[in-house]
Protein backbone atom coordinates (compact mmCIF):
# COMPACT_ATOMS: atom_id res chain seq x y z
CA MET A 1 -34.98 5.56 45.18
CA LYS A 2 -32.72 8.60 44.48
CA ARG A 3 -29.54 7.22 46.00
CA TYR A 4 -29.90 4.29 43.76
CA PHE A 5 -30.09 6.47 40.48
CA TYR A 6 -27.18 8.60 41.41
CA ALA A 7 -25.22 5.10 42.03
CA CYS A 8 -26.06 3.67 38.84
CA ALA A 9 -25.53 7.14 36.89
CA PRO A 10 -21.66 6.56 36.40
CA VAL A 11 -22.12 2.99 35.29
CA VAL A 12 -24.79 4.10 32.79
CA ALA A 13 -22.39 6.63 31.49
CA LEU A 14 -19.32 4.26 31.35
CA LEU A 15 -21.63 1.72 29.37
CA LEU A 16 -22.52 4.55 26.83
CA ALA A 17 -19.10 5.79 26.23
CA GLY A 18 -17.26 3.32 23.74
CA THR A 19 -13.51 3.19 23.52
CA VAL A 20 -12.33 4.17 19.79
CA ALA A 21 -8.40 4.11 18.88
CA ARG A 22 -7.48 6.93 16.44
CA ALA A 23 -4.41 7.51 14.47
CA ASP A 24 -2.44 10.57 15.01
CA PRO A 25 -3.52 13.29 12.45
CA SER A 26 -1.36 13.55 9.38
CA THR A 27 -1.63 14.48 5.71
CA PRO A 28 -0.57 12.16 2.73
CA ASP A 29 1.98 15.21 1.82
CA ALA A 30 4.07 14.23 4.84
CA VAL A 31 4.36 10.52 4.39
CA GLN A 32 8.21 9.29 4.02
CA TRP A 33 8.55 6.22 2.22
CA THR A 34 10.99 4.54 0.36
CA TYR A 35 10.91 2.29 -2.66
CA ASN A 36 13.19 -0.23 -4.88
CA PHE A 37 12.66 -1.77 -8.21
CA THR A 38 14.48 -4.83 -9.26
CA PRO A 39 13.99 -5.79 -12.63
CA THR A 40 13.24 -9.64 -13.11
CA LEU A 41 12.55 -12.54 -15.64
CA PRO A 42 8.92 -12.29 -16.81
CA GLY A 43 6.62 -14.42 -14.63
CA ASN A 44 9.64 -15.00 -12.18
CA PRO A 45 9.92 -12.19 -9.59
CA GLY A 46 12.82 -14.06 -7.71
CA VAL A 47 15.17 -13.92 -10.47
CA PRO A 48 16.87 -10.55 -11.49
CA ILE A 49 18.01 -9.76 -14.62
CA THR A 50 20.46 -6.98 -15.95
CA ALA A 51 19.19 -6.95 -19.87
CA ILE A 52 16.69 -8.10 -22.05
CA THR A 53 18.04 -9.59 -25.22
CA ALA A 54 17.12 -9.48 -28.93
CA ASP A 55 15.01 -12.31 -30.44
CA GLY A 56 17.64 -15.08 -30.78
CA ASN A 57 20.62 -12.92 -30.27
CA PRO A 58 22.17 -12.45 -26.60
CA ASN A 59 24.88 -10.16 -28.19
CA ALA A 60 22.19 -7.49 -28.89
CA GLY A 61 19.05 -6.09 -26.59
CA VAL A 62 18.53 -3.49 -23.97
CA THR A 63 20.29 -3.14 -20.55
CA LEU A 64 18.26 -2.40 -17.40
CA THR A 65 19.85 -0.66 -14.52
CA ASN A 66 19.03 -2.03 -10.66
CA ASP A 67 19.22 0.98 -8.47
CA LEU A 68 19.66 1.39 -4.71
CA THR A 69 16.52 1.99 -2.25
CA LYS A 70 15.37 5.34 -2.77
CA THR A 71 13.35 7.71 -0.32
CA ALA A 72 10.26 9.98 -1.17
CA VAL A 73 7.97 12.03 0.87
CA GLY A 74 4.38 12.54 -0.42
CA SER A 75 2.93 11.46 -3.75
CA SER A 76 5.67 11.52 -6.57
CA ASP A 77 6.86 10.36 -9.94
CA VAL A 78 9.93 7.60 -9.49
CA VAL A 79 12.00 5.70 -11.66
CA ALA A 80 12.06 2.15 -12.09
CA THR A 81 15.01 1.52 -14.34
CA ASN A 82 16.93 3.09 -17.02
CA LEU A 83 17.33 1.60 -20.35
CA ARG A 84 20.26 1.57 -23.07
CA VAL A 85 20.50 -0.21 -26.41
CA PHE A 86 23.43 -2.62 -27.12
CA ILE A 87 24.55 -4.43 -30.42
CA SER A 88 27.85 -5.61 -31.64
CA PRO A 89 29.24 -3.92 -34.39
CA GLY A 90 28.15 -5.15 -38.07
CA THR A 91 24.97 -6.95 -36.44
CA PRO A 92 22.24 -6.62 -38.70
CA PRO A 93 18.87 -4.98 -37.43
CA GLN A 94 17.20 -6.70 -34.13
CA SER A 95 13.87 -6.78 -33.03
CA PHE A 96 11.68 -7.59 -29.87
CA VAL A 97 9.06 -10.00 -30.91
CA THR A 98 9.11 -13.30 -28.79
CA ASN A 99 11.86 -12.16 -26.29
CA GLY A 100 10.65 -8.67 -24.95
CA GLY A 101 9.14 -9.70 -21.76
CA TYR A 102 10.33 -8.62 -18.27
CA GLY A 103 9.17 -8.22 -14.71
CA LEU A 104 9.64 -5.00 -12.15
CA ALA A 105 9.43 -6.29 -8.48
CA LEU A 106 8.71 -2.97 -6.32
CA VAL A 107 9.27 -2.97 -2.49
CA LEU A 108 7.62 -0.18 -0.55
CA THR A 109 8.25 0.61 2.93
CA MET A 110 6.81 2.83 5.48
CA THR A 111 7.47 3.35 9.20
CA ASP A 112 4.88 4.98 11.61
CA SER A 113 4.35 4.68 15.51
CA ASN A 114 3.09 0.83 14.85
CA GLY A 115 6.48 -0.12 13.27
CA LEU A 116 7.64 -1.05 9.83
CA HIS A 117 5.17 -1.70 7.01
CA THR A 118 6.18 -3.30 3.61
CA ALA A 119 4.52 -4.20 0.44
CA THR A 120 5.84 -5.95 -2.67
CA LEU A 121 4.14 -5.15 -5.99
CA ASN A 122 5.01 -7.19 -9.22
CA PHE A 123 4.78 -5.79 -12.58
CA SER A 124 5.08 -7.17 -15.90
CA GLY A 125 5.91 -5.34 -18.96
CA SER A 126 7.26 -6.33 -22.47
CA LEU A 127 9.58 -4.55 -24.88
CA GLY A 128 8.53 -4.31 -28.78
CA GLY A 129 10.01 -2.68 -31.57
CA THR A 130 13.35 -2.95 -33.64
CA PHE A 131 17.07 -1.29 -33.33
CA SER A 132 20.47 -1.57 -35.12
CA THR A 133 23.95 -0.12 -34.59
CA ASP A 134 22.40 3.27 -35.90
CA ASN A 135 18.78 3.73 -34.71
CA ALA A 136 16.31 2.66 -32.13
CA ASN A 137 12.53 2.16 -32.11
CA ILE A 138 11.58 0.72 -28.70
CA THR A 139 8.28 0.42 -27.57
CA ASN A 140 6.76 -0.74 -24.31
CA THR A 141 3.57 -2.17 -23.05
CA PRO A 142 1.43 -0.23 -20.36
CA PHE A 143 1.35 -1.56 -16.80
CA ALA A 144 -1.76 -2.45 -14.72
CA THR A 145 -2.42 -0.06 -11.88
CA GLN A 146 -1.72 -1.73 -8.57
CA THR A 147 -2.24 -0.75 -4.75
CA ALA A 148 -1.03 -1.36 -1.57
CA GLY A 149 -2.11 -0.39 1.98
CA LEU A 150 0.96 0.47 4.42
CA GLY A 151 -0.01 1.53 7.85
CA ASP A 152 -2.95 4.23 7.54
CA TRP A 153 -2.33 4.85 3.88
CA ASN A 154 -2.86 3.87 0.20
CA PHE A 155 -0.27 3.63 -2.31
CA THR A 156 -1.55 3.67 -5.74
CA VAL A 157 1.15 2.51 -8.04
CA SER A 158 0.45 3.62 -11.79
CA GLY A 159 2.87 3.80 -14.98
CA ASN A 160 4.34 6.94 -16.27
CA PRO A 161 4.69 7.61 -20.07
CA PHE A 162 7.86 5.45 -21.40
CA ALA A 163 10.85 7.14 -22.09
CA PRO A 164 12.28 4.97 -24.90
CA PRO A 165 16.21 4.65 -25.27
CA GLY A 166 17.92 6.02 -28.39
CA PRO A 167 20.76 4.53 -30.37
CA PRO A 168 23.49 2.59 -28.71
CA ASP A 169 25.77 5.67 -28.89
CA GLN A 170 23.30 8.08 -27.33
CA THR A 171 24.68 9.48 -24.15
CA GLN A 172 20.90 9.94 -22.40
CA ALA A 173 19.33 6.81 -21.29
CA GLY A 174 15.87 5.51 -21.68
CA ALA A 175 13.57 5.24 -18.58
CA ILE A 176 10.46 3.40 -17.33
CA GLY A 177 8.63 5.03 -14.46
CA PHE A 178 5.63 5.12 -12.33
CA HIS A 179 3.51 7.60 -10.37
CA VAL A 180 2.95 6.73 -6.70
CA ALA A 181 -0.08 8.55 -5.13
CA ILE A 182 -0.78 8.37 -1.54
CA SER A 183 -4.26 8.92 0.07
CA THR A 184 -5.94 8.10 3.33
CA LEU A 185 -6.66 4.47 3.67
CA SER A 186 -10.27 4.03 4.78
CA ILE A 187 -10.87 1.70 7.78
CA THR A 188 -14.01 1.22 9.63
CA THR A 189 -13.52 1.01 13.48
CA VAL A 190 -15.87 -0.78 15.45
CA SER A 191 -16.26 0.25 19.00
CA THR A 192 -15.80 -2.63 21.70
CA PRO A 193 -16.70 -2.43 25.22
CA GLU A 194 -13.67 -3.21 27.77
CA PRO A 195 -13.80 -6.24 30.12
CA SER A 196 -13.95 -3.59 33.03
CA THR A 197 -16.85 -1.56 31.30
CA MET A 198 -18.75 -5.14 30.78
CA LEU A 199 -18.51 -5.77 34.44
CA LEU A 200 -19.47 -2.33 35.62
CA SER A 201 -22.42 -2.44 33.14
CA GLY A 202 -23.54 -5.78 34.99
CA LEU A 203 -23.15 -4.33 38.27
CA GLY A 204 -25.33 -1.19 37.18
CA MET A 205 -27.98 -3.64 35.76
CA SER A 206 -28.02 -5.38 39.17
CA PHE A 207 -28.61 -1.95 40.99
CA LEU A 208 -31.52 -1.11 38.71
CA GLY A 209 -33.05 -4.44 39.40
CA PHE A 210 -32.86 -3.94 43.23
CA ALA A 211 -34.33 -0.71 43.10
CA SER A 212 -37.04 -1.73 40.99
CA TRP A 213 -37.69 -4.53 43.68
CA ARG A 214 -37.70 -2.38 46.44
CA LYS A 215 -40.15 -0.05 44.76
CA ARG A 216 -42.54 -2.85 44.15
CA ARG A 217 -42.36 -4.03 47.73
CA ALA A 218 -42.95 -0.58 48.99
CA LYS A 219 -46.23 -0.46 46.80
CA ALA A 220 -47.16 -3.74 48.21
CA ARG A 221 -46.80 -2.48 51.77
CA LEU A 222 -48.90 0.40 51.26
CA ALA A 223 -51.61 -1.65 49.68
CA LEU A 224 -51.93 -3.93 52.79
CA VAL A 225 -51.91 -0.88 55.16
CA ALA A 226 -54.94 0.59 53.22
C-alpha cells in the first residue's frame, strides 16, 4: 500500500499547486507614458479645430494650440492646450453664449513587456464670458473625470483649475490643464489547471482507485481463510 501512496503523492501535489501569472513588480511613480490632446468640434472628436469663434463673429474668439505628443513619468499635471484671445481692431465687445463649445480628444499610450497599450478619452467643454480689444473675462465649464486602464495601471484624468486668457495684447497665454493620476489596476486572477496537470490528476485518481481495490481484495481473502 505504501508504494502506491508514494507513487500518487507527486500527482496530488501537482493537482494542488495552481499556476498563477504575476506581473513584474513596479510602482506607479515609475510608469512612463505619453499623452496627446487635440482640440475638436463639440460632439465630433474626429474633426480638429484651432479656434473657438465668438457668437456670430468668425473674426473674434479664442485660439487653441495643438501640441505634439509629450512624455511623462508617474502621476502628473499636464497642459491640454493654450488659449489666446483674438479680435479685429474697432470690433465691439464679444461674448460666448451659443458658440463656446469644444472637445478635447486625449490619446494615452504606455508600453510594457506585453506590448503597446493605448486609450482615447474624449472630454467636452464650453467657454463662456465676454472679451474685447481691451479686456477678457473668459470662463470654462468643469470637466467630468474619466478613467482608462493601460496594462497593469489605472489612469484617472481630471480637470485642473482653468487659467483664463488675458486681453489680446497679453503675452502670457491661458491654459486648460488636467491632472493624470496613476494607480495599480485591480485584476482578479483565477488559477486554471494546465492540461498536463489535469492528465496527471486523472492518473493519480486511477492509482488511488487501484490501491483501494487491492485493499478490499486482501480483506476478502483473509475473511475466506478465517
